[in-house]
Amino acid sequence: MKVGIIGSGIVGQTLAIGFLKHGHTVMVGTRNEGKLADWRKESAPGAKIGSADEAAMFADIIVLAVKGSAAQSALLLVEKQHMNGKIIIDATNPIADGPPENGVLHFFTSLEESLMEQLQKAYPKVKFVKAFNSIGSDSMVNPEFESTPTMFICGNDDGAKKEVSHILVQFGFEPEDMGKAEAARAIEPLCILWCIPGFLHNDWHHAFKLLKK
């Protein structure tokens, strides 16, 4: 599968390495190709580097891995015809710029509309699936915990969610489909909960697990 990753920060780099590990072809879209030269040489020699638009045009499936505040502007760099009909794995969180309060992050969205819903409304022909937003970057690819962690997903297209679920299983997660795009109102704030032990106790190595009876 051809995977285009929009975003060249630590999350984008980590997921790129993960997709390469599992036999996929990867292009990372960035505004500054030069800053990835050493990374590609040392960590991801198989990765292709291009613009965000080139990565989207190249891809069968796209990953959006940028700061939540930059999500809209990042997608504006891509021609709509290069995204329409494709799956976008939305790994973003709507984290506001202010510092956390007693370990609790601030969001620039409300519980009445998630960032993914905003993106879905702006690009109705794209199949957004929320995933990878409630885990740290160092645990995104085949993490080692006592049991298999849960990755909560949502999106309006059932076929897209099945495709993303296959990827999540490859990456070492148990996918849990929480429904349509509105469920991102609950899934995105999991980032806040996940980060609290990190900010308060410098504990960043944990994951969510859904237990069923």
N, C-alpha and C. Protein backbone atom coordinates (compact mmCIF):
# COMPACT_ATOMS: atom_id res chain seq x y z
N MET A 1 0.83 -1.19 0.00
CA MET A 1 0.00 0.00 0.00
C MET A 1 0.88 1.25 0.00
N LYS A 2 0.46 2.25 -0.73
CA LYS A 2 1.17 3.53 -0.75
C LYS A 2 0.56 4.44 0.31
N VAL A 3 1.41 4.91 1.22
CA VAL A 3 0.96 5.73 2.34
C VAL A 3 1.60 7.11 2.23
N GLY A 4 0.78 8.14 2.23
CA GLY A 4 1.27 9.50 2.23
C GLY A 4 1.05 10.12 3.59
N ILE A 5 2.10 10.62 4.19
CA ILE A 5 2.01 11.20 5.53
C ILE A 5 2.20 12.71 5.43
N ILE A 6 1.17 13.43 5.86
CA ILE A 6 1.24 14.89 5.88
C ILE A 6 1.66 15.30 7.29
N GLY A 7 2.89 15.77 7.40
CA GLY A 7 3.43 16.13 8.70
C GLY A 7 4.76 15.44 8.91
N SER A 8 5.78 16.21 9.25
CA SER A 8 7.13 15.66 9.36
C SER A 8 7.69 15.74 10.76
N GLY A 9 6.83 15.93 11.77
CA GLY A 9 7.26 15.92 13.16
C GLY A 9 7.45 14.50 13.66
N ILE A 10 7.57 14.35 14.97
CA ILE A 10 7.88 13.05 15.55
C ILE A 10 6.79 12.03 15.27
N VAL A 11 5.51 12.44 15.29
CA VAL A 11 4.43 11.49 15.02
C VAL A 11 4.49 11.03 13.57
N GLY A 12 4.64 11.96 12.64
CA GLY A 12 4.74 11.59 11.24
C GLY A 12 5.94 10.69 10.96
N GLN A 13 7.08 11.02 11.57
CA GLN A 13 8.28 10.20 11.37
C GLN A 13 8.09 8.80 11.94
N THR A 14 7.50 8.72 13.13
CA THR A 14 7.29 7.42 13.78
C THR A 14 6.36 6.54 12.96
N LEU A 15 5.26 7.11 12.51
CA LEU A 15 4.31 6.31 11.72
C LEU A 15 4.90 5.94 10.37
N ALA A 16 5.70 6.81 9.79
CA ALA A 16 6.37 6.48 8.53
C ALA A 16 7.26 5.25 8.70
N ILE A 17 8.04 5.23 9.77
CA ILE A 17 8.90 4.08 10.03
C ILE A 17 8.06 2.82 10.26
N GLY A 18 6.92 2.98 10.94
CA GLY A 18 6.04 1.84 11.17
C GLY A 18 5.47 1.27 9.88
N PHE A 19 5.02 2.14 9.01
CA PHE A 19 4.48 1.65 7.73
C PHE A 19 5.57 0.98 6.89
N LEU A 20 6.77 1.55 6.89
CA LEU A 20 7.87 0.91 6.17
C LEU A 20 8.18 -0.46 6.76
N LYS A 21 8.17 -0.54 8.08
CA LYS A 21 8.44 -1.82 8.76
C LYS A 21 7.48 -2.90 8.32
N HIS A 22 6.23 -2.51 8.06
CA HIS A 22 5.21 -3.50 7.69
C HIS A 22 5.04 -3.63 6.17
N GLY A 23 6.03 -3.16 5.43
CA GLY A 23 6.08 -3.45 4.00
C GLY A 23 5.36 -2.49 3.09
N HIS A 24 4.92 -1.35 3.62
CA HIS A 24 4.24 -0.36 2.80
C HIS A 24 5.25 0.63 2.21
N THR A 25 4.84 1.30 1.15
CA THR A 25 5.64 2.36 0.55
C THR A 25 5.18 3.70 1.11
N VAL A 26 6.12 4.55 1.48
CA VAL A 26 5.78 5.76 2.23
C VAL A 26 6.37 7.00 1.57
N MET A 27 5.56 8.05 1.50
CA MET A 27 6.06 9.39 1.16
C MET A 27 5.64 10.34 2.27
N VAL A 28 6.59 11.08 2.80
CA VAL A 28 6.31 12.07 3.83
C VAL A 28 6.22 13.45 3.18
N GLY A 29 5.12 14.13 3.43
CA GLY A 29 4.92 15.47 2.90
C GLY A 29 5.36 16.52 3.90
N THR A 30 6.19 17.44 3.47
CA THR A 30 6.73 18.45 4.36
C THR A 30 6.98 19.74 3.59
N ARG A 31 7.02 20.86 4.30
CA ARG A 31 7.37 22.14 3.68
C ARG A 31 8.87 22.31 3.55
N ASN A 32 9.62 21.51 4.29
CA ASN A 32 11.08 21.64 4.30
C ASN A 32 11.71 20.27 4.15
N GLU A 33 11.95 19.87 2.91
CA GLU A 33 12.48 18.54 2.66
C GLU A 33 13.87 18.35 3.25
N GLY A 34 14.63 19.44 3.33
CA GLY A 34 16.00 19.34 3.83
C GLY A 34 16.10 18.87 5.26
N LYS A 35 15.10 19.23 6.09
CA LYS A 35 15.20 18.88 7.50
C LYS A 35 15.03 17.38 7.73
N LEU A 36 14.54 16.65 6.72
CA LEU A 36 14.35 15.22 6.86
C LEU A 36 15.49 14.40 6.26
N ALA A 37 16.49 15.07 5.72
CA ALA A 37 17.57 14.35 5.04
C ALA A 37 18.29 13.39 5.98
N ASP A 38 18.69 13.87 7.16
CA ASP A 38 19.41 13.01 8.10
C ASP A 38 18.50 11.91 8.64
N TRP A 39 17.23 12.25 8.92
CA TRP A 39 16.28 11.26 9.41
C TRP A 39 16.11 10.13 8.41
N ARG A 40 15.93 10.48 7.15
CA ARG A 40 15.73 9.44 6.14
C ARG A 40 16.98 8.57 6.02
N LYS A 41 18.15 9.20 6.04
CA LYS A 41 19.39 8.45 5.90
C LYS A 41 19.60 7.49 7.06
N GLU A 42 19.29 7.94 8.28
CA GLU A 42 19.59 7.15 9.47
C GLU A 42 18.47 6.20 9.88
N SER A 43 17.20 6.61 9.66
CA SER A 43 16.09 5.84 10.22
C SER A 43 15.11 5.30 9.20
N ALA A 44 15.01 5.94 8.04
CA ALA A 44 13.98 5.54 7.08
C ALA A 44 14.49 5.66 5.65
N PRO A 45 15.51 4.87 5.31
CA PRO A 45 16.10 5.01 3.97
C PRO A 45 15.14 4.69 2.84
N GLY A 46 14.06 3.99 3.13
CA GLY A 46 13.10 3.67 2.09
C GLY A 46 12.04 4.72 1.86
N ALA A 47 12.01 5.74 2.71
CA ALA A 47 10.95 6.75 2.61
C ALA A 47 11.21 7.73 1.47
N LYS A 48 10.14 8.14 0.84
CA LYS A 48 10.19 9.20 -0.15
C LYS A 48 9.82 10.51 0.55
N ILE A 49 10.35 11.62 0.06
CA ILE A 49 10.08 12.92 0.64
C ILE A 49 9.53 13.83 -0.45
N GLY A 50 8.50 14.59 -0.12
CA GLY A 50 7.92 15.53 -1.08
C GLY A 50 7.09 16.57 -0.37
N SER A 51 6.30 17.27 -1.14
CA SER A 51 5.38 18.24 -0.56
C SER A 51 4.14 17.51 -0.04
N ALA A 52 3.32 18.23 0.72
CA ALA A 52 2.07 17.63 1.20
C ALA A 52 1.19 17.20 0.03
N ASP A 53 1.14 18.02 -1.00
CA ASP A 53 0.32 17.68 -2.16
C ASP A 53 0.87 16.46 -2.89
N GLU A 54 2.19 16.39 -3.02
CA GLU A 54 2.80 15.22 -3.67
C GLU A 54 2.55 13.95 -2.87
N ALA A 55 2.61 14.06 -1.54
CA ALA A 55 2.38 12.88 -0.70
C ALA A 55 0.94 12.41 -0.84
N ALA A 56 -0.02 13.34 -0.88
CA ALA A 56 -1.43 12.97 -1.02
C ALA A 56 -1.69 12.36 -2.39
N MET A 57 -1.11 12.95 -3.43
CA MET A 57 -1.30 12.43 -4.78
C MET A 57 -0.70 11.03 -4.92
N PHE A 58 0.41 10.78 -4.27
CA PHE A 58 1.10 9.50 -4.31
C PHE A 58 0.31 8.40 -3.61
N ALA A 59 -0.47 8.77 -2.59
CA ALA A 59 -0.96 7.81 -1.61
C ALA A 59 -2.24 7.09 -2.02
N ASP A 60 -2.34 5.83 -1.55
CA ASP A 60 -3.62 5.13 -1.51
C ASP A 60 -4.37 5.52 -0.24
N ILE A 61 -3.62 5.75 0.82
CA ILE A 61 -4.18 6.16 2.10
C ILE A 61 -3.28 7.25 2.69
N ILE A 62 -3.89 8.24 3.33
CA ILE A 62 -3.17 9.41 3.83
C ILE A 62 -3.22 9.42 5.35
N VAL A 63 -2.15 9.88 5.97
CA VAL A 63 -2.12 10.09 7.42
C VAL A 63 -1.91 11.58 7.66
N LEU A 64 -2.79 12.17 8.47
CA LEU A 64 -2.63 13.56 8.86
C LEU A 64 -2.00 13.59 10.25
N ALA A 65 -0.74 14.02 10.31
CA ALA A 65 0.02 13.96 11.56
C ALA A 65 0.69 15.30 11.81
N VAL A 66 -0.13 16.31 12.05
CA VAL A 66 0.35 17.66 12.33
C VAL A 66 -0.28 18.16 13.63
N LYS A 67 0.20 19.30 14.12
CA LYS A 67 -0.47 19.92 15.25
C LYS A 67 -1.92 20.19 14.89
N GLY A 68 -2.82 20.01 15.86
CA GLY A 68 -4.23 20.24 15.56
C GLY A 68 -4.50 21.63 15.04
N SER A 69 -3.79 22.62 15.57
CA SER A 69 -3.99 23.99 15.12
C SER A 69 -3.53 24.22 13.69
N ALA A 70 -2.72 23.29 13.16
CA ALA A 70 -2.23 23.41 11.78
C ALA A 70 -2.95 22.48 10.81
N ALA A 71 -3.94 21.73 11.29
CA ALA A 71 -4.58 20.72 10.44
C ALA A 71 -5.26 21.33 9.23
N GLN A 72 -6.05 22.37 9.45
CA GLN A 72 -6.75 23.00 8.33
C GLN A 72 -5.77 23.58 7.32
N SER A 73 -4.75 24.28 7.79
CA SER A 73 -3.79 24.90 6.87
C SER A 73 -2.97 23.85 6.13
N ALA A 74 -2.67 22.72 6.79
CA ALA A 74 -1.92 21.66 6.13
C ALA A 74 -2.72 21.07 4.97
N LEU A 75 -4.01 20.87 5.17
CA LEU A 75 -4.84 20.31 4.10
C LEU A 75 -5.07 21.30 2.97
N LEU A 76 -4.96 22.59 3.28
CA LEU A 76 -5.09 23.60 2.22
C LEU A 76 -3.93 23.52 1.23
N LEU A 77 -2.84 22.88 1.62
CA LEU A 77 -1.69 22.72 0.72
C LEU A 77 -1.90 21.60 -0.28
N VAL A 78 -3.00 20.86 -0.13
CA VAL A 78 -3.27 19.68 -0.97
C VAL A 78 -4.43 19.98 -1.91
N GLU A 79 -4.27 19.66 -3.17
CA GLU A 79 -5.38 19.78 -4.12
C GLU A 79 -6.47 18.79 -3.73
N LYS A 80 -7.71 19.26 -3.75
CA LYS A 80 -8.81 18.41 -3.29
C LYS A 80 -8.91 17.12 -4.07
N GLN A 81 -8.62 17.17 -5.37
CA GLN A 81 -8.75 15.95 -6.17
C GLN A 81 -7.73 14.89 -5.75
N HIS A 82 -6.70 15.29 -5.04
CA HIS A 82 -5.70 14.33 -4.56
C HIS A 82 -6.11 13.69 -3.23
N MET A 83 -7.19 14.21 -2.62
CA MET A 83 -7.70 13.64 -1.37
C MET A 83 -9.07 13.00 -1.54
N ASN A 84 -9.86 13.50 -2.47
CA ASN A 84 -11.24 13.04 -2.59
C ASN A 84 -11.32 11.53 -2.79
N GLY A 85 -12.18 10.89 -2.03
CA GLY A 85 -12.37 9.45 -2.12
C GLY A 85 -11.36 8.63 -1.35
N LYS A 86 -10.35 9.28 -0.79
CA LYS A 86 -9.30 8.55 -0.07
C LYS A 86 -9.56 8.58 1.44
N ILE A 87 -8.95 7.61 2.11
CA ILE A 87 -8.97 7.58 3.57
C ILE A 87 -7.90 8.52 4.10
N ILE A 88 -8.26 9.33 5.08
CA ILE A 88 -7.26 10.07 5.84
C ILE A 88 -7.34 9.62 7.29
N ILE A 89 -6.27 9.00 7.77
CA ILE A 89 -6.16 8.69 9.18
C ILE A 89 -5.83 9.98 9.91
N ASP A 90 -6.73 10.41 10.76
CA ASP A 90 -6.58 11.68 11.46
C ASP A 90 -5.99 11.44 12.84
N ALA A 91 -4.71 11.74 12.98
CA ALA A 91 -4.01 11.53 14.25
C ALA A 91 -3.89 12.82 15.06
N THR A 92 -4.64 13.85 14.68
CA THR A 92 -4.49 15.15 15.32
C THR A 92 -5.31 15.26 16.60
N ASN A 93 -4.92 16.23 17.41
CA ASN A 93 -5.69 16.61 18.59
C ASN A 93 -5.77 18.13 18.65
N PRO A 94 -6.90 18.69 19.06
CA PRO A 94 -7.08 20.14 19.06
C PRO A 94 -6.50 20.81 20.31
N ILE A 95 -5.21 20.64 20.49
CA ILE A 95 -4.54 21.17 21.68
C ILE A 95 -4.29 22.67 21.51
N ALA A 96 -4.73 23.46 22.48
CA ALA A 96 -4.53 24.90 22.44
C ALA A 96 -3.08 25.23 22.82
N ASP A 97 -2.68 26.46 22.54
CA ASP A 97 -1.29 26.85 22.75
C ASP A 97 -0.93 27.06 24.22
N GLY A 98 -1.90 27.34 25.06
CA GLY A 98 -1.60 27.61 26.46
C GLY A 98 -1.06 26.41 27.20
N PRO A 99 -0.36 26.62 28.32
CA PRO A 99 0.20 25.51 29.10
C PRO A 99 -0.90 24.73 29.81
N PRO A 100 -0.62 23.47 30.16
CA PRO A 100 -1.63 22.68 30.90
C PRO A 100 -1.87 23.27 32.28
N GLU A 101 -3.05 23.02 32.80
CA GLU A 101 -3.45 23.48 34.13
C GLU A 101 -3.54 22.27 35.05
N ASN A 102 -2.61 22.18 36.01
CA ASN A 102 -2.53 21.00 36.88
C ASN A 102 -2.49 19.71 36.05
N GLY A 103 -1.73 19.75 34.98
CA GLY A 103 -1.56 18.59 34.12
C GLY A 103 -2.62 18.40 33.06
N VAL A 104 -3.62 19.29 33.02
CA VAL A 104 -4.74 19.14 32.09
C VAL A 104 -4.59 20.10 30.91
N LEU A 105 -4.49 19.55 29.72
CA LEU A 105 -4.36 20.36 28.51
C LEU A 105 -5.64 21.15 28.23
N HIS A 106 -5.48 22.26 27.52
CA HIS A 106 -6.60 23.01 27.02
C HIS A 106 -6.82 22.67 25.55
N PHE A 107 -8.08 22.57 25.15
CA PHE A 107 -8.45 22.36 23.75
C PHE A 107 -9.05 23.64 23.18
N PHE A 108 -8.93 23.80 21.86
CA PHE A 108 -9.58 24.94 21.21
C PHE A 108 -10.94 24.57 20.61
N THR A 109 -11.37 23.34 20.84
CA THR A 109 -12.70 22.91 20.43
C THR A 109 -13.56 22.72 21.68
N SER A 110 -14.85 22.45 21.45
CA SER A 110 -15.75 22.14 22.55
C SER A 110 -16.22 20.70 22.43
N LEU A 111 -16.97 20.24 23.43
CA LEU A 111 -17.52 18.89 23.37
C LEU A 111 -18.69 18.77 22.42
N GLU A 112 -19.06 19.87 21.79
CA GLU A 112 -20.15 19.86 20.82
C GLU A 112 -19.67 19.69 19.39
N GLU A 113 -18.35 19.84 19.16
CA GLU A 113 -17.81 19.64 17.80
C GLU A 113 -16.32 19.38 17.89
N SER A 114 -15.92 18.22 17.41
CA SER A 114 -14.52 17.84 17.44
C SER A 114 -13.76 18.45 16.27
N LEU A 115 -12.44 18.38 16.35
CA LEU A 115 -11.62 18.82 15.22
C LEU A 115 -11.88 17.95 14.00
N MET A 116 -12.03 16.64 14.19
CA MET A 116 -12.25 15.79 13.03
C MET A 116 -13.57 16.11 12.34
N GLU A 117 -14.58 16.46 13.11
CA GLU A 117 -15.85 16.87 12.49
C GLU A 117 -15.66 18.12 11.65
N GLN A 118 -14.86 19.05 12.13
CA GLN A 118 -14.59 20.26 11.36
C GLN A 118 -13.90 19.92 10.04
N LEU A 119 -12.94 19.01 10.11
CA LEU A 119 -12.23 18.60 8.90
C LEU A 119 -13.17 17.86 7.94
N GLN A 120 -14.02 16.99 8.49
CA GLN A 120 -14.95 16.24 7.65
C GLN A 120 -15.93 17.16 6.94
N LYS A 121 -16.39 18.20 7.64
CA LYS A 121 -17.30 19.17 7.01
C LYS A 121 -16.60 19.96 5.92
N ALA A 122 -15.33 20.27 6.13
CA ALA A 122 -14.58 21.04 5.14
C ALA A 122 -14.24 20.20 3.91
N TYR A 123 -14.13 18.88 4.09
CA TYR A 123 -13.75 17.98 3.00
C TYR A 123 -14.71 16.79 2.98
N PRO A 124 -15.94 16.99 2.54
CA PRO A 124 -16.96 15.93 2.64
C PRO A 124 -16.69 14.70 1.79
N LYS A 125 -15.83 14.81 0.78
CA LYS A 125 -15.54 13.67 -0.07
C LYS A 125 -14.36 12.84 0.43
N VAL A 126 -13.78 13.25 1.55
CA VAL A 126 -12.68 12.51 2.16
C VAL A 126 -13.22 11.59 3.25
N LYS A 127 -12.61 10.42 3.40
CA LYS A 127 -13.04 9.44 4.40
C LYS A 127 -12.12 9.53 5.63
N PHE A 128 -12.47 10.43 6.53
CA PHE A 128 -11.65 10.61 7.73
C PHE A 128 -11.91 9.49 8.73
N VAL A 129 -10.84 9.01 9.35
CA VAL A 129 -10.93 8.04 10.44
C VAL A 129 -9.99 8.51 11.55
N LYS A 130 -10.53 8.76 12.70
CA LYS A 130 -9.70 9.18 13.84
C LYS A 130 -8.96 7.96 14.40
N ALA A 131 -7.65 8.10 14.57
CA ALA A 131 -6.83 7.01 15.15
C ALA A 131 -5.47 7.58 15.53
N PHE A 132 -4.76 6.87 16.39
CA PHE A 132 -3.40 7.21 16.82
C PHE A 132 -3.32 8.51 17.63
N ASN A 133 -4.44 9.04 18.09
CA ASN A 133 -4.41 10.31 18.81
C ASN A 133 -4.33 10.13 20.33
N SER A 134 -4.50 8.91 20.82
CA SER A 134 -4.59 8.69 22.28
C SER A 134 -3.46 7.81 22.79
N ILE A 135 -2.29 7.94 22.16
CA ILE A 135 -1.12 7.15 22.54
C ILE A 135 0.12 8.00 22.26
N GLY A 136 1.19 7.78 22.99
CA GLY A 136 2.42 8.52 22.74
C GLY A 136 3.14 8.00 21.51
N SER A 137 3.94 8.85 20.90
CA SER A 137 4.61 8.47 19.66
C SER A 137 5.53 7.27 19.84
N ASP A 138 6.13 7.12 21.02
CA ASP A 138 7.03 5.99 21.22
C ASP A 138 6.30 4.67 21.40
N SER A 139 4.97 4.72 21.46
CA SER A 139 4.17 3.49 21.58
C SER A 139 3.22 3.30 20.41
N MET A 140 3.45 3.98 19.31
CA MET A 140 2.53 3.92 18.18
C MET A 140 2.75 2.70 17.29
N VAL A 141 3.92 2.12 17.36
CA VAL A 141 4.24 1.00 16.46
C VAL A 141 4.61 -0.21 17.29
N ASN A 142 3.70 -1.19 17.32
CA ASN A 142 3.92 -2.47 18.02
C ASN A 142 4.49 -2.28 19.43
N PRO A 143 3.74 -1.56 20.27
CA PRO A 143 4.21 -1.31 21.64
C PRO A 143 4.19 -2.59 22.47
N GLU A 144 5.01 -2.61 23.51
CA GLU A 144 5.08 -3.77 24.40
C GLU A 144 4.46 -3.41 25.74
N PHE A 145 3.24 -3.87 25.95
CA PHE A 145 2.55 -3.73 27.23
C PHE A 145 2.16 -5.12 27.72
N GLU A 146 1.58 -5.18 28.91
CA GLU A 146 1.18 -6.47 29.46
C GLU A 146 0.10 -7.14 28.62
N SER A 147 -0.72 -6.34 27.95
CA SER A 147 -1.72 -6.87 27.04
C SER A 147 -1.85 -5.91 25.86
N THR A 148 -2.56 -6.34 24.86
CA THR A 148 -2.69 -5.53 23.65
C THR A 148 -3.53 -4.29 23.93
N PRO A 149 -3.01 -3.10 23.67
CA PRO A 149 -3.78 -1.88 23.96
C PRO A 149 -4.90 -1.66 22.96
N THR A 150 -5.89 -0.91 23.39
CA THR A 150 -7.03 -0.56 22.54
C THR A 150 -6.73 0.75 21.82
N MET A 151 -7.13 0.81 20.54
CA MET A 151 -7.11 2.08 19.82
C MET A 151 -8.55 2.39 19.40
N PHE A 152 -9.08 3.46 19.96
CA PHE A 152 -10.44 3.87 19.65
C PHE A 152 -10.44 4.63 18.32
N ILE A 153 -11.38 4.26 17.44
CA ILE A 153 -11.49 4.91 16.14
C ILE A 153 -12.94 5.33 15.90
N CYS A 154 -13.11 6.23 14.96
CA CYS A 154 -14.45 6.60 14.52
C CYS A 154 -14.36 7.21 13.13
N GLY A 155 -15.49 7.30 12.46
CA GLY A 155 -15.55 7.86 11.12
C GLY A 155 -16.86 7.49 10.47
N ASN A 156 -17.20 8.19 9.43
CA ASN A 156 -18.50 8.00 8.78
C ASN A 156 -18.53 6.86 7.77
N ASP A 157 -17.37 6.42 7.31
CA ASP A 157 -17.31 5.38 6.28
C ASP A 157 -16.88 4.05 6.89
N ASP A 158 -17.77 3.05 6.85
CA ASP A 158 -17.48 1.76 7.47
C ASP A 158 -16.33 1.05 6.78
N GLY A 159 -16.26 1.13 5.46
CA GLY A 159 -15.16 0.49 4.74
C GLY A 159 -13.82 1.08 5.11
N ALA A 160 -13.79 2.40 5.27
CA ALA A 160 -12.54 3.06 5.66
C ALA A 160 -12.11 2.62 7.04
N LYS A 161 -13.06 2.48 7.96
CA LYS A 161 -12.71 2.05 9.31
C LYS A 161 -12.19 0.62 9.32
N LYS A 162 -12.73 -0.23 8.46
CA LYS A 162 -12.21 -1.60 8.37
C LYS A 162 -10.78 -1.61 7.87
N GLU A 163 -10.49 -0.76 6.88
CA GLU A 163 -9.13 -0.67 6.35
C GLU A 163 -8.17 -0.18 7.42
N VAL A 164 -8.56 0.84 8.16
CA VAL A 164 -7.71 1.37 9.22
C VAL A 164 -7.56 0.35 10.34
N SER A 165 -8.61 -0.41 10.61
CA SER A 165 -8.53 -1.45 11.64
C SER A 165 -7.47 -2.49 11.29
N HIS A 166 -7.38 -2.87 10.02
CA HIS A 166 -6.35 -3.82 9.59
C HIS A 166 -4.95 -3.25 9.87
N ILE A 167 -4.78 -1.96 9.60
CA ILE A 167 -3.50 -1.31 9.87
C ILE A 167 -3.20 -1.33 11.36
N LEU A 168 -4.20 -1.01 12.17
CA LEU A 168 -3.99 -0.98 13.61
C LEU A 168 -3.60 -2.34 14.17
N VAL A 169 -4.19 -3.39 13.64
CA VAL A 169 -3.80 -4.74 14.06
C VAL A 169 -2.33 -4.99 13.71
N GLN A 170 -1.93 -4.58 12.51
CA GLN A 170 -0.52 -4.70 12.12
C GLN A 170 0.38 -3.96 13.11
N PHE A 171 -0.09 -2.82 13.57
CA PHE A 171 0.71 -1.96 14.44
C PHE A 171 0.61 -2.36 15.91
N GLY A 172 -0.12 -3.44 16.20
CA GLY A 172 -0.13 -3.98 17.54
C GLY A 172 -1.24 -3.49 18.45
N PHE A 173 -2.39 -3.11 17.87
CA PHE A 173 -3.50 -2.60 18.66
C PHE A 173 -4.76 -3.43 18.43
N GLU A 174 -5.67 -3.34 19.37
CA GLU A 174 -7.03 -3.84 19.20
C GLU A 174 -7.91 -2.65 18.83
N PRO A 175 -8.34 -2.55 17.59
CA PRO A 175 -9.19 -1.41 17.21
C PRO A 175 -10.58 -1.55 17.79
N GLU A 176 -11.14 -0.44 18.22
CA GLU A 176 -12.49 -0.41 18.77
C GLU A 176 -13.25 0.70 18.07
N ASP A 177 -14.21 0.31 17.22
CA ASP A 177 -14.99 1.26 16.44
C ASP A 177 -16.07 1.88 17.31
N MET A 178 -15.99 3.19 17.51
CA MET A 178 -16.93 3.89 18.37
C MET A 178 -18.04 4.60 17.58
N GLY A 179 -18.07 4.41 16.27
CA GLY A 179 -19.19 4.96 15.51
C GLY A 179 -18.79 6.06 14.55
N LYS A 180 -19.71 6.98 14.33
CA LYS A 180 -19.56 8.02 13.32
C LYS A 180 -18.63 9.14 13.81
N ALA A 181 -18.49 10.16 12.98
CA ALA A 181 -17.53 11.23 13.26
C ALA A 181 -17.80 11.93 14.59
N GLU A 182 -19.06 11.98 15.01
CA GLU A 182 -19.38 12.65 16.27
C GLU A 182 -18.66 12.03 17.46
N ALA A 183 -18.30 10.75 17.34
CA ALA A 183 -17.60 10.07 18.44
C ALA A 183 -16.22 10.66 18.69
N ALA A 184 -15.69 11.40 17.73
CA ALA A 184 -14.40 12.07 17.95
C ALA A 184 -14.49 13.09 19.08
N ARG A 185 -15.71 13.54 19.41
CA ARG A 185 -15.88 14.45 20.55
C ARG A 185 -15.44 13.77 21.85
N ALA A 186 -15.54 12.46 21.90
CA ALA A 186 -15.10 11.70 23.07
C ALA A 186 -13.68 11.16 22.90
N ILE A 187 -13.31 10.80 21.68
CA ILE A 187 -12.00 10.19 21.46
C ILE A 187 -10.88 11.22 21.55
N GLU A 188 -11.08 12.40 20.99
CA GLU A 188 -10.01 13.41 21.05
C GLU A 188 -9.63 13.78 22.47
N PRO A 189 -10.58 13.95 23.40
CA PRO A 189 -10.20 14.28 24.78
C PRO A 189 -9.44 13.15 25.52
N LEU A 190 -9.41 11.95 24.96
CA LEU A 190 -8.58 10.92 25.56
C LEU A 190 -7.11 11.37 25.60
N CYS A 191 -6.74 12.22 24.68
CA CYS A 191 -5.39 12.79 24.69
C CYS A 191 -5.13 13.55 25.99
N ILE A 192 -6.13 14.30 26.45
CA ILE A 192 -5.99 15.04 27.69
C ILE A 192 -5.73 14.08 28.85
N LEU A 193 -6.56 13.03 28.92
CA LEU A 193 -6.42 12.05 30.00
C LEU A 193 -5.08 11.34 29.91
N TRP A 194 -4.67 10.96 28.69
CA TRP A 194 -3.41 10.24 28.51
C TRP A 194 -2.23 11.08 28.98
N CYS A 195 -2.28 12.38 28.76
CA CYS A 195 -1.15 13.27 29.08
C CYS A 195 -1.02 13.61 30.56
N ILE A 196 -2.09 13.48 31.34
CA ILE A 196 -2.03 13.91 32.74
C ILE A 196 -0.91 13.22 33.52
N PRO A 197 -0.76 11.88 33.48
CA PRO A 197 0.35 11.27 34.21
C PRO A 197 1.71 11.76 33.74
N GLY A 198 1.80 12.11 32.46
CA GLY A 198 3.06 12.63 31.94
C GLY A 198 3.42 13.97 32.52
N PHE A 199 2.45 14.89 32.51
CA PHE A 199 2.73 16.22 33.04
C PHE A 199 2.93 16.22 34.55
N LEU A 200 2.18 15.38 35.25
CA LEU A 200 2.26 15.37 36.72
C LEU A 200 3.40 14.52 37.26
N HIS A 201 3.70 13.39 36.59
CA HIS A 201 4.65 12.43 37.15
C HIS A 201 5.74 12.01 36.16
N ASN A 202 5.78 12.66 35.01
CA ASN A 202 6.73 12.30 33.95
C ASN A 202 6.59 10.83 33.53
N ASP A 203 5.37 10.35 33.55
CA ASP A 203 5.05 8.97 33.15
C ASP A 203 4.33 9.02 31.80
N TRP A 204 5.06 8.68 30.76
CA TRP A 204 4.51 8.76 29.40
C TRP A 204 4.36 7.38 28.76
N HIS A 205 4.51 6.33 29.53
CA HIS A 205 4.52 4.99 28.94
C HIS A 205 3.31 4.21 29.43
N HIS A 206 2.18 4.47 28.84
CA HIS A 206 0.93 3.79 29.20
C HIS A 206 -0.01 3.86 28.00
N ALA A 207 -1.09 3.11 28.07
CA ALA A 207 -2.05 3.05 26.97
C ALA A 207 -3.42 2.71 27.53
N PHE A 208 -4.45 2.93 26.73
CA PHE A 208 -5.81 2.60 27.12
C PHE A 208 -6.15 1.16 26.75
N LYS A 209 -6.99 0.57 27.58
CA LYS A 209 -7.46 -0.80 27.32
C LYS A 209 -8.93 -0.88 27.66
N LEU A 210 -9.75 -1.29 26.69
CA LEU A 210 -11.17 -1.49 26.91
C LEU A 210 -11.40 -2.95 27.31
N LEU A 211 -11.96 -3.14 28.49
CA LEU A 211 -12.24 -4.48 28.99
C LEU A 211 -13.74 -4.80 28.77
N LYS A 212 -14.01 -6.01 28.32
CA LYS A 212 -15.38 -6.41 28.04
C LYS A 212 -15.73 -7.65 28.86
N LYS A 213 -16.96 -7.71 29.30
CA LYS A 213 -17.43 -8.84 30.09
C LYS A 213 -18.11 -9.86 29.19
